[in-house]
Amino acid sequence: MNTTIHTPITEWVDLGQADREGPFCKRTLWTLISTGQLPAYRPLKKKILIKRSDLNKLIESRRVGADLNKLVDEVVAEVTSDARK
């Protein structure tokens, strides 16, 4: 008999959970929903739900490219300026 209790991570999060778990505050989430950038669902009168996968896709779509040479130059400049002090 298996007595292990599993707490499943649901596919859905409400705005409060998304605010606590992710990089976006509630206000930003509302803006993303109202502009159509983030799909949201209202199965109950007051509860707004978001699919975790939609939230993850949005985060992944905001990836910024990094110029590795620029980063190295900035770090070297910072280290050398600190060494001169």
N, C-alpha and C. Protein backbone atom coordinates (compact mmCIF):
# COMPACT_ATOMS: atom_id res chain seq x y z
N MET A 1 0.84 -1.18 0.00
CA MET A 1 0.00 0.00 0.00
C MET A 1 0.89 1.25 0.00
N ASN A 2 0.63 2.13 -0.92
CA ASN A 2 1.41 3.36 -1.04
C ASN A 2 0.78 4.45 -0.17
N THR A 3 1.52 4.92 0.82
CA THR A 3 0.98 5.95 1.71
C THR A 3 1.61 7.32 1.47
N THR A 4 2.39 7.44 0.40
CA THR A 4 3.02 8.71 0.09
C THR A 4 1.97 9.71 -0.38
N ILE A 5 2.02 10.89 0.20
CA ILE A 5 1.09 11.95 -0.20
C ILE A 5 1.83 12.88 -1.15
N HIS A 6 1.27 13.05 -2.32
CA HIS A 6 1.87 13.94 -3.31
C HIS A 6 1.04 15.21 -3.40
N THR A 7 1.72 16.33 -3.43
CA THR A 7 1.04 17.59 -3.65
C THR A 7 1.26 17.97 -5.11
N PRO A 8 0.26 17.77 -5.94
CA PRO A 8 0.46 18.04 -7.36
C PRO A 8 0.55 19.54 -7.65
N ILE A 9 1.42 19.89 -8.56
CA ILE A 9 1.46 21.27 -9.03
C ILE A 9 0.42 21.35 -10.13
N THR A 10 -0.56 22.18 -9.89
CA THR A 10 -1.64 22.25 -10.85
C THR A 10 -1.22 23.01 -12.09
N GLU A 11 -1.97 22.78 -13.13
CA GLU A 11 -1.72 23.45 -14.40
C GLU A 11 -2.13 24.92 -14.33
N TRP A 12 -2.94 25.26 -13.33
CA TRP A 12 -3.50 26.61 -13.23
C TRP A 12 -3.00 27.34 -12.01
N VAL A 13 -2.85 28.66 -12.13
CA VAL A 13 -2.54 29.51 -10.99
C VAL A 13 -3.47 30.71 -11.02
N ASP A 14 -3.81 31.20 -9.83
CA ASP A 14 -4.60 32.44 -9.80
C ASP A 14 -3.63 33.62 -9.77
N LEU A 15 -4.15 34.82 -9.83
CA LEU A 15 -3.29 35.99 -9.90
C LEU A 15 -2.39 36.11 -8.67
N GLY A 16 -2.92 35.77 -7.51
CA GLY A 16 -2.12 35.84 -6.29
C GLY A 16 -0.93 34.89 -6.33
N GLN A 17 -1.18 33.66 -6.78
CA GLN A 17 -0.10 32.68 -6.89
C GLN A 17 0.93 33.13 -7.93
N ALA A 18 0.45 33.60 -9.07
CA ALA A 18 1.35 34.05 -10.13
C ALA A 18 2.21 35.20 -9.64
N ASP A 19 1.62 36.08 -8.85
CA ASP A 19 2.35 37.22 -8.29
C ASP A 19 3.44 36.74 -7.34
N ARG A 20 3.11 35.77 -6.49
CA ARG A 20 4.08 35.26 -5.50
C ARG A 20 5.17 34.40 -6.13
N GLU A 21 4.82 33.62 -7.15
CA GLU A 21 5.74 32.64 -7.71
C GLU A 21 6.57 33.17 -8.87
N GLY A 22 6.09 34.20 -9.53
CA GLY A 22 6.76 34.61 -10.76
C GLY A 22 7.36 35.99 -10.71
N PRO A 23 7.85 36.42 -11.84
CA PRO A 23 8.54 37.71 -11.91
C PRO A 23 7.61 38.91 -12.09
N PHE A 24 6.30 38.66 -12.25
CA PHE A 24 5.37 39.75 -12.52
C PHE A 24 4.52 40.06 -11.30
N CYS A 25 4.30 41.34 -11.03
CA CYS A 25 3.39 41.74 -9.96
C CYS A 25 1.96 41.69 -10.51
N LYS A 26 0.98 41.79 -9.61
CA LYS A 26 -0.42 41.71 -10.03
C LYS A 26 -0.78 42.77 -11.06
N ARG A 27 -0.28 43.97 -10.85
CA ARG A 27 -0.60 45.06 -11.77
C ARG A 27 -0.10 44.75 -13.19
N THR A 28 1.11 44.23 -13.28
CA THR A 28 1.66 43.85 -14.58
C THR A 28 0.87 42.70 -15.18
N LEU A 29 0.47 41.75 -14.36
CA LEU A 29 -0.34 40.64 -14.86
C LEU A 29 -1.66 41.16 -15.43
N TRP A 30 -2.30 42.08 -14.72
CA TRP A 30 -3.55 42.67 -15.22
C TRP A 30 -3.32 43.36 -16.56
N THR A 31 -2.22 44.09 -16.68
CA THR A 31 -1.91 44.78 -17.94
C THR A 31 -1.69 43.77 -19.06
N LEU A 32 -0.94 42.72 -18.78
CA LEU A 32 -0.68 41.69 -19.79
C LEU A 32 -1.97 41.00 -20.22
N ILE A 33 -2.88 40.78 -19.29
CA ILE A 33 -4.16 40.16 -19.60
C ILE A 33 -5.02 41.12 -20.42
N SER A 34 -5.10 42.37 -20.00
CA SER A 34 -5.98 43.33 -20.68
C SER A 34 -5.50 43.66 -22.09
N THR A 35 -4.19 43.55 -22.34
CA THR A 35 -3.67 43.82 -23.68
C THR A 35 -3.63 42.56 -24.55
N GLY A 36 -4.06 41.45 -24.00
CA GLY A 36 -4.13 40.21 -24.77
C GLY A 36 -2.81 39.46 -24.87
N GLN A 37 -1.80 39.88 -24.14
CA GLN A 37 -0.51 39.20 -24.19
C GLN A 37 -0.48 37.94 -23.34
N LEU A 38 -1.40 37.85 -22.38
CA LEU A 38 -1.48 36.70 -21.49
C LEU A 38 -2.93 36.25 -21.40
N PRO A 39 -3.22 35.04 -21.91
CA PRO A 39 -4.60 34.54 -21.81
C PRO A 39 -4.96 34.25 -20.36
N ALA A 40 -6.19 34.60 -19.99
CA ALA A 40 -6.67 34.34 -18.63
C ALA A 40 -8.10 33.83 -18.72
N TYR A 41 -8.51 33.16 -17.68
CA TYR A 41 -9.82 32.51 -17.65
C TYR A 41 -10.51 32.84 -16.35
N ARG A 42 -11.82 32.98 -16.40
CA ARG A 42 -12.60 33.27 -15.20
C ARG A 42 -13.70 32.20 -15.05
N PRO A 43 -13.34 31.03 -14.50
CA PRO A 43 -14.33 29.97 -14.36
C PRO A 43 -15.33 30.26 -13.24
N LEU A 44 -14.92 31.06 -12.28
CA LEU A 44 -15.79 31.45 -11.19
C LEU A 44 -15.95 32.96 -11.24
N LYS A 45 -16.89 33.48 -10.48
CA LYS A 45 -17.18 34.91 -10.55
C LYS A 45 -15.98 35.80 -10.24
N LYS A 46 -15.23 35.49 -9.20
CA LYS A 46 -14.17 36.38 -8.76
C LYS A 46 -12.76 35.88 -9.08
N LYS A 47 -12.61 34.63 -9.39
CA LYS A 47 -11.28 34.03 -9.54
C LYS A 47 -10.82 34.09 -11.00
N ILE A 48 -9.63 34.69 -11.21
CA ILE A 48 -9.00 34.72 -12.52
C ILE A 48 -7.89 33.67 -12.51
N LEU A 49 -7.89 32.80 -13.50
CA LEU A 49 -6.88 31.76 -13.57
C LEU A 49 -6.02 31.91 -14.82
N ILE A 50 -4.76 31.52 -14.69
CA ILE A 50 -3.80 31.57 -15.78
C ILE A 50 -3.15 30.20 -15.87
N LYS A 51 -2.94 29.71 -17.08
CA LYS A 51 -2.21 28.46 -17.24
C LYS A 51 -0.73 28.72 -17.00
N ARG A 52 -0.12 27.84 -16.23
CA ARG A 52 1.32 27.97 -15.99
C ARG A 52 2.09 27.97 -17.31
N SER A 53 1.65 27.14 -18.24
CA SER A 53 2.36 27.05 -19.52
C SER A 53 2.29 28.38 -20.28
N ASP A 54 1.15 29.09 -20.20
CA ASP A 54 1.04 30.40 -20.87
C ASP A 54 1.97 31.42 -20.20
N LEU A 55 2.04 31.36 -18.89
CA LEU A 55 2.93 32.27 -18.15
C LEU A 55 4.39 31.98 -18.50
N ASN A 56 4.75 30.70 -18.56
CA ASN A 56 6.11 30.33 -18.92
C ASN A 56 6.46 30.75 -20.35
N LYS A 57 5.51 30.60 -21.27
CA LYS A 57 5.74 31.02 -22.66
C LYS A 57 5.99 32.53 -22.72
N LEU A 58 5.22 33.29 -21.96
CA LEU A 58 5.39 34.74 -21.93
C LEU A 58 6.78 35.10 -21.41
N ILE A 59 7.19 34.46 -20.34
CA ILE A 59 8.50 34.73 -19.77
C ILE A 59 9.59 34.38 -20.78
N GLU A 60 9.47 33.22 -21.42
CA GLU A 60 10.47 32.80 -22.40
C GLU A 60 10.50 33.71 -23.62
N SER A 61 9.38 34.30 -23.96
CA SER A 61 9.34 35.19 -25.13
C SER A 61 10.04 36.52 -24.85
N ARG A 62 10.28 36.81 -23.59
CA ARG A 62 10.93 38.07 -23.20
C ARG A 62 12.44 37.92 -23.01
N ARG A 63 12.99 36.87 -23.54
CA ARG A 63 14.42 36.62 -23.37
C ARG A 63 15.22 37.75 -24.02
N VAL A 64 16.24 38.15 -23.35
CA VAL A 64 17.12 39.18 -23.89
C VAL A 64 18.43 38.54 -24.32
N GLY A 65 18.97 39.03 -25.40
CA GLY A 65 20.24 38.51 -25.87
C GLY A 65 21.37 39.18 -25.12
N ALA A 66 22.41 38.45 -24.94
CA ALA A 66 23.55 39.02 -24.23
C ALA A 66 24.75 39.02 -25.17
N ASP A 67 25.39 40.17 -25.27
CA ASP A 67 26.62 40.29 -26.02
C ASP A 67 27.76 39.93 -25.07
N LEU A 68 28.28 38.72 -25.22
CA LEU A 68 29.28 38.21 -24.30
C LEU A 68 30.53 39.07 -24.27
N ASN A 69 30.95 39.57 -25.41
CA ASN A 69 32.15 40.42 -25.45
C ASN A 69 31.92 41.70 -24.65
N LYS A 70 30.74 42.28 -24.77
CA LYS A 70 30.43 43.50 -24.03
C LYS A 70 30.43 43.23 -22.53
N LEU A 71 29.83 42.10 -22.12
CA LEU A 71 29.81 41.75 -20.70
C LEU A 71 31.23 41.56 -20.15
N VAL A 72 32.07 40.88 -20.92
CA VAL A 72 33.45 40.66 -20.48
C VAL A 72 34.17 41.99 -20.36
N ASP A 73 34.00 42.88 -21.34
CA ASP A 73 34.65 44.19 -21.29
C ASP A 73 34.19 44.99 -20.07
N GLU A 74 32.89 44.93 -19.76
CA GLU A 74 32.37 45.66 -18.60
C GLU A 74 32.95 45.12 -17.30
N VAL A 75 33.05 43.80 -17.18
CA VAL A 75 33.60 43.19 -15.97
C VAL A 75 35.08 43.53 -15.83
N VAL A 76 35.82 43.45 -16.93
CA VAL A 76 37.25 43.77 -16.89
C VAL A 76 37.44 45.24 -16.49
N ALA A 77 36.64 46.13 -17.06
CA ALA A 77 36.74 47.56 -16.72
C ALA A 77 36.43 47.79 -15.25
N GLU A 78 35.42 47.09 -14.73
CA GLU A 78 35.06 47.25 -13.33
C GLU A 78 36.16 46.73 -12.41
N VAL A 79 36.71 45.58 -12.74
CA VAL A 79 37.76 44.99 -11.91
C VAL A 79 39.01 45.87 -11.94
N THR A 80 39.39 46.36 -13.11
CA THR A 80 40.59 47.19 -13.18
C THR A 80 40.40 48.53 -12.48
N SER A 81 39.18 49.08 -12.54
CA SER A 81 38.94 50.36 -11.84
C SER A 81 38.96 50.14 -10.32
N ASP A 82 38.48 49.01 -9.87
CA ASP A 82 38.52 48.68 -8.43
C ASP A 82 39.96 48.46 -7.98
N ALA A 83 40.80 47.90 -8.83
CA ALA A 83 42.19 47.61 -8.49
C ALA A 83 42.99 48.91 -8.37
N ARG A 84 42.59 49.93 -9.12
CA ARG A 84 43.30 51.21 -9.10
C ARG A 84 43.01 52.02 -7.82
N LYS A 85 41.90 51.72 -7.18
CA LYS A 85 41.50 52.51 -5.99
C LYS A 85 42.32 52.19 -4.79
